[in-house]
Amino acid sequence: MHHHFLIHKPYGYLSQFVYQLKRTKKLLGELYEFPPNTMAIGRLDEDSEGLLLLTTDGMMSELVRSKKVEKEYYAQVDGLITDAAVDQLSGGVEIGLHGKKYKTKKCIAIRLESTPKLGERAKKIRDDRHGPTSWVSITLTEGKFRQVRKMTSAVGFPTLRLVRVRIGNIHLKDLKSGDVIEVPNFDV
């Protein structure tokens, strides 16, 4: 029998269970007593937060990581994002990937008119004296290395905070940072 988990990955944690380098890092296994062979489906970098699915089922992992399943992110960006920048994000932008240029696939990008209710981050973003920030929702069907961060930077609005809020039909909802819930399966 396989096990499936929803987790709200906190800021400052790696999306893995083992880390071989010398620096001490916070790992997912510190949040919950996961069964052997549990793996993260996709990743969120150390500075990102939000919905992460974990499973002991490799086939489920392949399904969720497929290009058929949308992943939605809320990005807090430096400055007041413009309609032109949002349009550029939607149409795909050129980013660097493994030393080469890559044009992202079309996606859904929407400026959020109000600050989403996500709870406070463990580490403060910055002081308001450094200028305004705004939020954008970006929904992708691909997931390249640090893609959303690279996309917002490419249009002139670097990401300050990044939270994945949805994978397919599964939403972060009221899951608090660090919470882990075991579920019978994933309905993506």
N, C-alpha and C. Protein backbone atom coordinates (compact mmCIF):
# COMPACT_ATOMS: atom_id res chain seq x y z
N MET A 1 0.84 -1.19 0.00
CA MET A 1 0.00 0.00 0.00
C MET A 1 0.89 1.25 0.00
N HIS A 2 0.55 2.21 -0.86
CA HIS A 2 1.33 3.44 -0.96
C HIS A 2 0.80 4.51 -0.02
N HIS A 3 1.67 5.46 0.30
CA HIS A 3 1.31 6.59 1.15
C HIS A 3 1.46 7.87 0.34
N HIS A 4 0.55 8.81 0.59
CA HIS A 4 0.54 10.10 -0.11
C HIS A 4 0.36 11.22 0.92
N PHE A 5 1.09 12.30 0.73
CA PHE A 5 1.07 13.40 1.70
C PHE A 5 0.97 14.75 0.99
N LEU A 6 0.24 15.67 1.63
CA LEU A 6 0.24 17.08 1.26
C LEU A 6 1.08 17.78 2.33
N ILE A 7 1.93 18.67 1.90
CA ILE A 7 2.76 19.39 2.85
C ILE A 7 2.83 20.86 2.44
N HIS A 8 2.83 21.73 3.43
CA HIS A 8 3.10 23.15 3.18
C HIS A 8 4.58 23.33 3.52
N LYS A 9 5.43 23.27 2.48
CA LYS A 9 6.87 23.39 2.70
C LYS A 9 7.19 24.80 3.19
N PRO A 10 7.84 24.88 4.34
CA PRO A 10 8.20 26.21 4.84
C PRO A 10 9.42 26.78 4.10
N TYR A 11 9.56 28.08 4.19
CA TYR A 11 10.76 28.77 3.71
C TYR A 11 11.96 28.18 4.45
N GLY A 12 13.06 27.99 3.74
CA GLY A 12 14.30 27.57 4.38
C GLY A 12 14.52 26.07 4.44
N TYR A 13 13.60 25.28 3.89
CA TYR A 13 13.75 23.82 3.85
C TYR A 13 14.06 23.37 2.44
N LEU A 14 14.87 22.32 2.32
CA LEU A 14 15.10 21.70 1.02
C LEU A 14 14.01 20.68 0.76
N SER A 15 13.65 20.47 -0.49
CA SER A 15 12.60 19.50 -0.87
C SER A 15 13.21 18.11 -1.01
N GLN A 16 13.94 17.69 0.00
CA GLN A 16 14.58 16.38 -0.04
C GLN A 16 14.78 15.86 1.37
N PHE A 17 15.22 14.60 1.44
CA PHE A 17 15.40 13.94 2.73
C PHE A 17 16.87 13.73 3.09
N VAL A 18 17.75 13.79 2.09
CA VAL A 18 19.18 13.57 2.30
C VAL A 18 19.93 14.74 1.68
N TYR A 19 20.95 15.21 2.39
CA TYR A 19 21.79 16.29 1.88
C TYR A 19 23.24 15.94 2.21
N GLN A 20 24.08 15.78 1.20
CA GLN A 20 25.43 15.26 1.38
C GLN A 20 26.51 16.33 1.58
N LEU A 21 26.23 17.58 1.26
CA LEU A 21 27.27 18.59 1.37
C LEU A 21 27.51 18.98 2.82
N LYS A 22 28.54 19.75 3.05
CA LYS A 22 28.98 20.01 4.43
C LYS A 22 28.07 20.94 5.22
N ARG A 23 27.45 21.92 4.55
CA ARG A 23 26.60 22.86 5.28
C ARG A 23 25.35 22.16 5.81
N THR A 24 24.92 22.55 6.98
CA THR A 24 23.71 21.98 7.57
C THR A 24 22.49 22.63 6.92
N LYS A 25 21.54 21.81 6.47
CA LYS A 25 20.32 22.29 5.83
C LYS A 25 19.12 21.65 6.52
N LYS A 26 17.98 22.34 6.49
CA LYS A 26 16.74 21.78 7.01
C LYS A 26 16.13 20.91 5.92
N LEU A 27 15.70 19.70 6.30
CA LEU A 27 15.17 18.73 5.35
C LEU A 27 13.73 18.35 5.71
N LEU A 28 12.99 17.82 4.72
CA LEU A 28 11.58 17.47 4.93
C LEU A 28 11.36 16.49 6.06
N GLY A 29 12.28 15.56 6.26
CA GLY A 29 12.13 14.56 7.32
C GLY A 29 12.07 15.15 8.71
N GLU A 30 12.45 16.40 8.87
CA GLU A 30 12.37 17.06 10.18
C GLU A 30 10.93 17.48 10.51
N LEU A 31 10.04 17.48 9.50
CA LEU A 31 8.68 17.96 9.71
C LEU A 31 7.71 16.85 10.11
N TYR A 32 8.06 15.58 9.82
CA TYR A 32 7.09 14.49 9.99
C TYR A 32 7.85 13.16 9.91
N GLU A 33 7.30 12.13 10.48
CA GLU A 33 7.89 10.79 10.41
C GLU A 33 7.34 10.09 9.17
N PHE A 34 7.98 10.32 8.03
CA PHE A 34 7.54 9.75 6.76
C PHE A 34 7.98 8.30 6.67
N PRO A 35 7.17 7.46 5.98
CA PRO A 35 7.58 6.06 5.79
C PRO A 35 8.78 5.97 4.85
N PRO A 36 9.50 4.84 4.88
CA PRO A 36 10.63 4.65 3.97
C PRO A 36 10.18 4.81 2.51
N ASN A 37 11.10 5.26 1.67
CA ASN A 37 10.88 5.43 0.23
C ASN A 37 9.93 6.56 -0.13
N THR A 38 9.67 7.48 0.79
CA THR A 38 8.85 8.65 0.47
C THR A 38 9.70 9.61 -0.36
N MET A 39 9.09 10.14 -1.43
CA MET A 39 9.79 11.07 -2.31
C MET A 39 8.93 12.30 -2.56
N ALA A 40 9.58 13.43 -2.75
CA ALA A 40 8.87 14.65 -3.14
C ALA A 40 8.56 14.57 -4.62
N ILE A 41 7.36 15.00 -5.00
CA ILE A 41 6.98 15.05 -6.42
C ILE A 41 7.29 16.46 -6.90
N GLY A 42 8.35 16.59 -7.67
CA GLY A 42 8.81 17.92 -8.04
C GLY A 42 9.52 18.54 -6.85
N ARG A 43 9.93 19.76 -7.00
CA ARG A 43 10.66 20.42 -5.92
C ARG A 43 10.25 21.88 -5.81
N LEU A 44 10.53 22.40 -4.65
CA LEU A 44 10.50 23.85 -4.42
C LEU A 44 11.87 24.18 -3.87
N ASP A 45 12.50 25.23 -4.37
CA ASP A 45 13.84 25.55 -3.87
C ASP A 45 13.78 26.00 -2.42
N GLU A 46 14.94 26.10 -1.81
CA GLU A 46 15.04 26.41 -0.39
C GLU A 46 14.32 27.71 -0.02
N ASP A 47 14.33 28.69 -0.91
CA ASP A 47 13.73 30.00 -0.64
C ASP A 47 12.25 30.06 -0.97
N SER A 48 11.69 28.99 -1.52
CA SER A 48 10.28 28.97 -1.90
C SER A 48 9.46 28.20 -0.87
N GLU A 49 8.16 28.47 -0.89
CA GLU A 49 7.26 27.86 0.08
C GLU A 49 6.07 27.26 -0.66
N GLY A 50 5.22 26.57 0.10
CA GLY A 50 3.94 26.20 -0.45
C GLY A 50 3.72 24.72 -0.62
N LEU A 51 2.74 24.41 -1.48
CA LEU A 51 2.24 23.06 -1.65
C LEU A 51 3.29 22.15 -2.27
N LEU A 52 3.53 21.04 -1.60
CA LEU A 52 4.43 20.01 -2.09
C LEU A 52 3.74 18.68 -1.84
N LEU A 53 3.74 17.83 -2.84
CA LEU A 53 3.16 16.49 -2.71
C LEU A 53 4.29 15.49 -2.51
N LEU A 54 4.06 14.55 -1.60
CA LEU A 54 5.02 13.48 -1.36
C LEU A 54 4.30 12.15 -1.50
N THR A 55 5.03 11.14 -1.96
CA THR A 55 4.41 9.83 -2.18
C THR A 55 5.46 8.73 -2.09
N THR A 56 4.99 7.51 -1.92
CA THR A 56 5.85 6.33 -2.03
C THR A 56 5.61 5.63 -3.37
N ASP A 57 4.76 6.22 -4.22
CA ASP A 57 4.35 5.63 -5.50
C ASP A 57 5.01 6.35 -6.67
N GLY A 58 6.00 5.71 -7.30
CA GLY A 58 6.71 6.31 -8.43
C GLY A 58 5.81 6.63 -9.61
N MET A 59 4.80 5.80 -9.87
CA MET A 59 3.87 6.05 -10.98
C MET A 59 3.06 7.32 -10.73
N MET A 60 2.65 7.54 -9.49
CA MET A 60 1.92 8.76 -9.13
C MET A 60 2.82 9.97 -9.33
N SER A 61 4.08 9.84 -8.97
CA SER A 61 5.03 10.92 -9.15
C SER A 61 5.13 11.31 -10.63
N GLU A 62 5.22 10.33 -11.51
CA GLU A 62 5.31 10.59 -12.95
C GLU A 62 4.06 11.31 -13.46
N LEU A 63 2.88 10.89 -13.00
CA LEU A 63 1.63 11.51 -13.42
C LEU A 63 1.58 12.98 -13.01
N VAL A 64 1.89 13.27 -11.76
CA VAL A 64 1.80 14.64 -11.25
C VAL A 64 2.82 15.55 -11.93
N ARG A 65 4.01 15.03 -12.23
CA ARG A 65 5.05 15.85 -12.85
C ARG A 65 4.82 16.05 -14.34
N SER A 66 3.83 15.38 -14.91
CA SER A 66 3.59 15.48 -16.36
C SER A 66 3.13 16.89 -16.74
N LYS A 67 3.24 17.20 -18.01
CA LYS A 67 2.84 18.51 -18.52
C LYS A 67 1.33 18.68 -18.57
N LYS A 68 0.58 17.65 -18.22
CA LYS A 68 -0.88 17.73 -18.19
C LYS A 68 -1.39 18.40 -16.91
N VAL A 69 -0.54 18.46 -15.90
CA VAL A 69 -0.95 18.96 -14.59
C VAL A 69 -0.43 20.37 -14.37
N GLU A 70 -1.34 21.33 -14.15
CA GLU A 70 -0.96 22.72 -13.90
C GLU A 70 -0.42 22.91 -12.49
N LYS A 71 0.56 23.80 -12.38
CA LYS A 71 1.09 24.21 -11.09
C LYS A 71 0.95 25.72 -11.02
N GLU A 72 0.28 26.21 -9.96
CA GLU A 72 0.05 27.64 -9.81
C GLU A 72 0.89 28.19 -8.67
N TYR A 73 1.51 29.33 -8.94
CA TYR A 73 2.38 30.00 -7.98
C TYR A 73 1.91 31.44 -7.77
N TYR A 74 2.05 31.93 -6.53
CA TYR A 74 1.89 33.34 -6.25
C TYR A 74 3.29 33.89 -6.02
N ALA A 75 3.65 34.92 -6.77
CA ALA A 75 4.96 35.54 -6.63
C ALA A 75 4.80 36.99 -6.18
N GLN A 76 5.44 37.32 -5.08
CA GLN A 76 5.53 38.72 -4.66
C GLN A 76 6.76 39.29 -5.34
N VAL A 77 6.56 40.34 -6.11
CA VAL A 77 7.65 40.89 -6.91
C VAL A 77 8.03 42.30 -6.46
N ASP A 78 9.25 42.67 -6.79
CA ASP A 78 9.78 43.98 -6.47
C ASP A 78 9.18 44.99 -7.44
N GLY A 79 8.41 45.94 -6.92
CA GLY A 79 7.78 46.96 -7.75
C GLY A 79 6.33 46.63 -8.06
N LEU A 80 5.68 47.56 -8.73
CA LEU A 80 4.27 47.37 -9.11
C LEU A 80 4.24 46.82 -10.54
N ILE A 81 3.97 45.54 -10.66
CA ILE A 81 4.05 44.86 -11.96
C ILE A 81 3.05 45.47 -12.94
N THR A 82 3.48 45.65 -14.15
CA THR A 82 2.68 46.32 -15.18
C THR A 82 1.89 45.30 -16.02
N ASP A 83 0.87 45.81 -16.71
CA ASP A 83 0.11 44.95 -17.63
C ASP A 83 1.02 44.39 -18.72
N ALA A 84 1.95 45.21 -19.20
CA ALA A 84 2.87 44.76 -20.24
C ALA A 84 3.73 43.59 -19.76
N ALA A 85 4.21 43.68 -18.52
CA ALA A 85 5.02 42.59 -17.96
C ALA A 85 4.20 41.32 -17.80
N VAL A 86 2.95 41.46 -17.35
CA VAL A 86 2.06 40.30 -17.20
C VAL A 86 1.80 39.66 -18.56
N ASP A 87 1.58 40.49 -19.59
CA ASP A 87 1.39 39.97 -20.95
C ASP A 87 2.63 39.23 -21.44
N GLN A 88 3.81 39.78 -21.16
CA GLN A 88 5.06 39.11 -21.54
C GLN A 88 5.16 37.75 -20.87
N LEU A 89 4.87 37.68 -19.58
CA LEU A 89 4.92 36.41 -18.85
C LEU A 89 3.99 35.39 -19.50
N SER A 90 2.78 35.83 -19.84
CA SER A 90 1.77 34.93 -20.43
C SER A 90 2.24 34.34 -21.75
N GLY A 91 2.93 35.16 -22.56
CA GLY A 91 3.35 34.72 -23.88
C GLY A 91 4.62 33.89 -23.89
N GLY A 92 5.31 33.83 -22.75
CA GLY A 92 6.58 33.12 -22.68
C GLY A 92 7.73 34.11 -22.76
N VAL A 93 8.74 33.91 -21.95
CA VAL A 93 9.90 34.79 -21.92
C VAL A 93 11.17 33.97 -22.03
N GLU A 94 12.23 34.62 -22.45
CA GLU A 94 13.51 33.94 -22.57
C GLU A 94 14.24 33.98 -21.23
N ILE A 95 14.67 32.80 -20.77
CA ILE A 95 15.41 32.70 -19.51
C ILE A 95 16.66 31.87 -19.78
N GLY A 96 17.59 31.91 -18.85
CA GLY A 96 18.78 31.07 -18.94
C GLY A 96 18.50 29.72 -18.29
N LEU A 97 18.96 28.66 -18.93
CA LEU A 97 18.75 27.31 -18.40
C LEU A 97 19.97 26.46 -18.77
N HIS A 98 20.74 26.07 -17.77
CA HIS A 98 21.95 25.26 -17.98
C HIS A 98 22.90 25.91 -18.99
N GLY A 99 23.07 27.23 -18.88
CA GLY A 99 24.00 27.95 -19.73
C GLY A 99 23.50 28.26 -21.12
N LYS A 100 22.24 27.95 -21.40
CA LYS A 100 21.66 28.22 -22.73
C LYS A 100 20.40 29.05 -22.55
N LYS A 101 19.96 29.66 -23.64
CA LYS A 101 18.71 30.42 -23.62
C LYS A 101 17.54 29.45 -23.82
N TYR A 102 16.45 29.71 -23.10
CA TYR A 102 15.26 28.88 -23.20
C TYR A 102 14.04 29.80 -23.17
N LYS A 103 13.11 29.59 -24.09
CA LYS A 103 11.87 30.37 -24.07
C LYS A 103 10.79 29.53 -23.38
N THR A 104 10.24 30.10 -22.32
CA THR A 104 9.22 29.38 -21.56
C THR A 104 7.95 29.23 -22.39
N LYS A 105 7.18 28.21 -22.09
CA LYS A 105 5.91 27.98 -22.79
C LYS A 105 4.89 29.03 -22.34
N LYS A 106 3.87 29.23 -23.16
CA LYS A 106 2.80 30.14 -22.76
C LYS A 106 2.22 29.66 -21.44
N CYS A 107 1.78 30.60 -20.63
CA CYS A 107 1.22 30.26 -19.32
C CYS A 107 0.10 31.24 -19.01
N ILE A 108 -0.50 31.07 -17.86
CA ILE A 108 -1.52 32.00 -17.39
C ILE A 108 -0.88 32.89 -16.34
N ALA A 109 -0.84 34.18 -16.58
CA ALA A 109 -0.28 35.14 -15.63
C ALA A 109 -1.34 36.20 -15.36
N ILE A 110 -1.59 36.46 -14.09
CA ILE A 110 -2.62 37.42 -13.68
C ILE A 110 -2.08 38.24 -12.51
N ARG A 111 -2.18 39.56 -12.63
CA ARG A 111 -1.81 40.40 -11.49
C ARG A 111 -2.88 40.24 -10.41
N LEU A 112 -2.45 40.02 -9.17
CA LEU A 112 -3.38 39.92 -8.05
C LEU A 112 -3.60 41.32 -7.51
N GLU A 113 -4.85 41.70 -7.38
CA GLU A 113 -5.17 43.06 -6.95
C GLU A 113 -5.00 43.27 -5.45
N SER A 114 -4.98 42.18 -4.68
CA SER A 114 -4.77 42.31 -3.24
C SER A 114 -3.76 41.27 -2.78
N THR A 115 -3.19 41.50 -1.63
CA THR A 115 -2.20 40.58 -1.08
C THR A 115 -2.89 39.28 -0.67
N PRO A 116 -2.41 38.13 -1.17
CA PRO A 116 -3.05 36.86 -0.78
C PRO A 116 -2.82 36.56 0.70
N LYS A 117 -3.76 35.82 1.29
CA LYS A 117 -3.67 35.46 2.70
C LYS A 117 -2.84 34.17 2.80
N LEU A 118 -1.55 34.34 3.02
CA LEU A 118 -0.63 33.20 3.05
C LEU A 118 0.04 32.99 4.39
N GLY A 119 -0.17 33.88 5.32
CA GLY A 119 0.55 33.79 6.58
C GLY A 119 1.92 34.44 6.44
N GLU A 120 2.52 34.72 7.56
CA GLU A 120 3.84 35.35 7.56
C GLU A 120 4.91 34.34 7.19
N ARG A 121 5.93 34.81 6.51
CA ARG A 121 7.07 33.96 6.20
C ARG A 121 8.03 33.98 7.38
N ALA A 122 8.77 32.90 7.59
CA ALA A 122 9.70 32.80 8.71
C ALA A 122 10.73 33.92 8.71
N LYS A 123 11.16 34.33 7.54
CA LYS A 123 12.14 35.41 7.42
C LYS A 123 11.47 36.57 6.70
N LYS A 124 11.56 37.76 7.31
CA LYS A 124 10.94 38.95 6.72
C LYS A 124 11.49 39.21 5.32
N ILE A 125 10.60 39.59 4.41
CA ILE A 125 11.01 39.86 3.02
C ILE A 125 11.93 41.07 2.97
N ARG A 126 11.43 42.19 3.37
CA ARG A 126 12.19 43.43 3.42
C ARG A 126 11.29 44.50 4.02
N ASP A 127 11.86 45.64 4.28
CA ASP A 127 11.13 46.75 4.87
C ASP A 127 10.41 47.53 3.77
N ASP A 128 9.23 48.06 4.08
CA ASP A 128 8.45 48.82 3.10
C ASP A 128 9.18 50.06 2.59
N ARG A 129 10.18 50.52 3.30
CA ARG A 129 10.94 51.71 2.88
C ARG A 129 11.71 51.46 1.58
N HIS A 130 11.87 50.19 1.20
CA HIS A 130 12.62 49.86 -0.01
C HIS A 130 11.76 49.92 -1.27
N GLY A 131 10.54 50.38 -1.14
CA GLY A 131 9.68 50.53 -2.30
C GLY A 131 8.53 49.54 -2.30
N PRO A 132 7.58 49.75 -3.21
CA PRO A 132 6.37 48.92 -3.24
C PRO A 132 6.65 47.53 -3.81
N THR A 133 5.77 46.62 -3.48
CA THR A 133 5.78 45.28 -4.06
C THR A 133 4.38 44.98 -4.57
N SER A 134 4.28 43.96 -5.40
CA SER A 134 2.97 43.53 -5.90
C SER A 134 3.01 42.01 -6.06
N TRP A 135 1.83 41.44 -6.33
CA TRP A 135 1.70 39.99 -6.44
C TRP A 135 1.17 39.61 -7.82
N VAL A 136 1.66 38.48 -8.33
CA VAL A 136 1.19 37.95 -9.60
C VAL A 136 0.98 36.44 -9.43
N SER A 137 -0.07 35.94 -10.08
CA SER A 137 -0.31 34.49 -10.13
C SER A 137 0.22 33.99 -11.46
N ILE A 138 1.02 32.93 -11.42
CA ILE A 138 1.58 32.32 -12.63
C ILE A 138 1.26 30.84 -12.60
N THR A 139 0.56 30.37 -13.65
CA THR A 139 0.18 28.95 -13.74
C THR A 139 0.93 28.34 -14.92
N LEU A 140 1.72 27.31 -14.61
CA LEU A 140 2.59 26.65 -15.59
C LEU A 140 2.21 25.19 -15.78
N THR A 141 2.63 24.62 -16.89
CA THR A 141 2.54 23.17 -17.08
C THR A 141 3.94 22.58 -17.25
N GLU A 142 4.95 23.40 -17.06
CA GLU A 142 6.33 22.94 -17.09
C GLU A 142 6.98 23.39 -15.79
N GLY A 143 8.14 22.89 -15.51
CA GLY A 143 8.80 23.27 -14.26
C GLY A 143 10.30 23.20 -14.39
N LYS A 144 10.88 24.20 -14.99
CA LYS A 144 12.33 24.27 -15.15
C LYS A 144 12.94 24.84 -13.86
N PHE A 145 14.24 24.67 -13.71
CA PHE A 145 14.98 25.10 -12.53
C PHE A 145 14.77 26.59 -12.26
N ARG A 146 14.17 26.90 -11.12
CA ARG A 146 13.91 28.28 -10.67
C ARG A 146 13.17 29.11 -11.73
N GLN A 147 12.28 28.47 -12.46
CA GLN A 147 11.63 29.07 -13.62
C GLN A 147 10.85 30.34 -13.30
N VAL A 148 9.98 30.30 -12.30
CA VAL A 148 9.15 31.48 -12.02
C VAL A 148 10.03 32.66 -11.63
N ARG A 149 11.03 32.43 -10.81
CA ARG A 149 11.94 33.50 -10.40
C ARG A 149 12.64 34.10 -11.63
N LYS A 150 13.11 33.24 -12.53
CA LYS A 150 13.79 33.72 -13.73
C LYS A 150 12.82 34.47 -14.65
N MET A 151 11.57 34.01 -14.72
CA MET A 151 10.58 34.67 -15.58
C MET A 151 10.28 36.08 -15.09
N THR A 152 10.02 36.24 -13.79
CA THR A 152 9.69 37.58 -13.30
C THR A 152 10.88 38.52 -13.42
N SER A 153 12.09 38.01 -13.22
CA SER A 153 13.28 38.84 -13.40
C SER A 153 13.43 39.26 -14.85
N ALA A 154 13.12 38.35 -15.77
CA ALA A 154 13.26 38.64 -17.21
C ALA A 154 12.37 39.80 -17.66
N VAL A 155 11.25 40.02 -16.95
CA VAL A 155 10.35 41.12 -17.31
C VAL A 155 10.55 42.33 -16.40
N GLY A 156 11.62 42.31 -15.59
CA GLY A 156 11.97 43.48 -14.80
C GLY A 156 11.39 43.55 -13.40
N PHE A 157 10.82 42.43 -12.91
CA PHE A 157 10.21 42.43 -11.57
C PHE A 157 10.69 41.21 -10.79
N PRO A 158 11.87 41.29 -10.18
CA PRO A 158 12.42 40.13 -9.47
C PRO A 158 11.48 39.63 -8.36
N THR A 159 11.46 38.32 -8.19
CA THR A 159 10.63 37.68 -7.17
C THR A 159 11.27 37.85 -5.80
N LEU A 160 10.46 38.29 -4.84
CA LEU A 160 10.89 38.42 -3.45
C LEU A 160 10.39 37.25 -2.60
N ARG A 161 9.21 36.75 -2.93
CA ARG A 161 8.62 35.63 -2.21
C ARG A 161 7.87 34.79 -3.23
N LEU A 162 8.00 33.45 -3.14
CA LEU A 162 7.34 32.56 -4.08
C LEU A 162 6.65 31.44 -3.32
N VAL A 163 5.33 31.28 -3.59
CA VAL A 163 4.53 30.28 -2.90
C VAL A 163 3.74 29.49 -3.93
N ARG A 164 3.92 28.15 -3.96
CA ARG A 164 3.09 27.32 -4.84
C ARG A 164 1.77 27.09 -4.11
N VAL A 165 0.66 27.45 -4.76
CA VAL A 165 -0.65 27.38 -4.11
C VAL A 165 -1.54 26.28 -4.68
N ARG A 166 -1.15 25.69 -5.84
CA ARG A 166 -2.00 24.66 -6.44
C ARG A 166 -1.18 23.74 -7.32
N ILE A 167 -1.52 22.45 -7.26
CA ILE A 167 -1.01 21.44 -8.19
C ILE A 167 -2.24 20.72 -8.71
N GLY A 168 -2.57 20.90 -9.98
CA GLY A 168 -3.79 20.30 -10.54
C GLY A 168 -5.01 20.79 -9.78
N ASN A 169 -5.78 19.85 -9.21
CA ASN A 169 -6.99 20.19 -8.44
C ASN A 169 -6.72 20.32 -6.95
N ILE A 170 -5.47 20.17 -6.54
CA ILE A 170 -5.13 20.20 -5.12
C ILE A 170 -4.65 21.61 -4.76
N HIS A 171 -5.30 22.22 -3.77
CA HIS A 171 -5.00 23.59 -3.36
C HIS A 171 -4.35 23.62 -1.98
N LEU A 172 -3.50 24.61 -1.76
CA LEU A 172 -2.85 24.81 -0.47
C LEU A 172 -3.88 25.11 0.62
N LYS A 173 -4.91 25.87 0.27
CA LYS A 173 -5.99 26.26 1.18
C LYS A 173 -5.45 26.78 2.50
N ASP A 174 -5.92 26.23 3.62
CA ASP A 174 -5.55 26.73 4.94
C ASP A 174 -4.41 25.95 5.58
N LEU A 175 -3.71 25.13 4.80
CA LEU A 175 -2.57 24.39 5.33
C LEU A 175 -1.52 25.40 5.81
N LYS A 176 -1.13 25.29 7.05
CA LYS A 176 -0.15 26.22 7.64
C LYS A 176 1.27 25.76 7.31
N SER A 177 2.19 26.67 7.30
CA SER A 177 3.59 26.37 7.02
C SER A 177 4.08 25.26 7.96
N GLY A 178 4.62 24.19 7.37
CA GLY A 178 5.12 23.04 8.14
C GLY A 178 4.11 21.94 8.35
N ASP A 179 2.82 22.18 8.04
CA ASP A 179 1.80 21.15 8.21
C ASP A 179 1.97 20.03 7.19
N VAL A 180 1.69 18.81 7.63
CA VAL A 180 1.73 17.61 6.78
C VAL A 180 0.43 16.86 7.00
N ILE A 181 -0.24 16.49 5.89
CA ILE A 181 -1.48 15.72 5.99
C ILE A 181 -1.35 14.48 5.10
N GLU A 182 -1.62 13.31 5.65
CA GLU A 182 -1.65 12.10 4.82
C GLU A 182 -3.03 11.99 4.20
N VAL A 183 -3.07 11.69 2.90
CA VAL A 183 -4.32 11.57 2.15
C VAL A 183 -4.36 10.20 1.48
N PRO A 184 -5.57 9.70 1.15
CA PRO A 184 -5.67 8.38 0.53
C PRO A 184 -5.09 8.33 -0.88
N ASN A 185 -5.18 9.44 -1.62
CA ASN A 185 -4.61 9.52 -2.97
C ASN A 185 -4.59 10.98 -3.41
N PHE A 186 -4.07 11.23 -4.61
CA PHE A 186 -4.05 12.57 -5.17
C PHE A 186 -5.04 12.63 -6.31
N ASP A 187 -5.98 13.56 -6.24
CA ASP A 187 -6.93 13.77 -7.33
C ASP A 187 -6.48 15.01 -8.08
N VAL A 188 -5.50 14.81 -8.97
CA VAL A 188 -4.95 15.95 -9.72
C VAL A 188 -5.72 16.17 -10.99
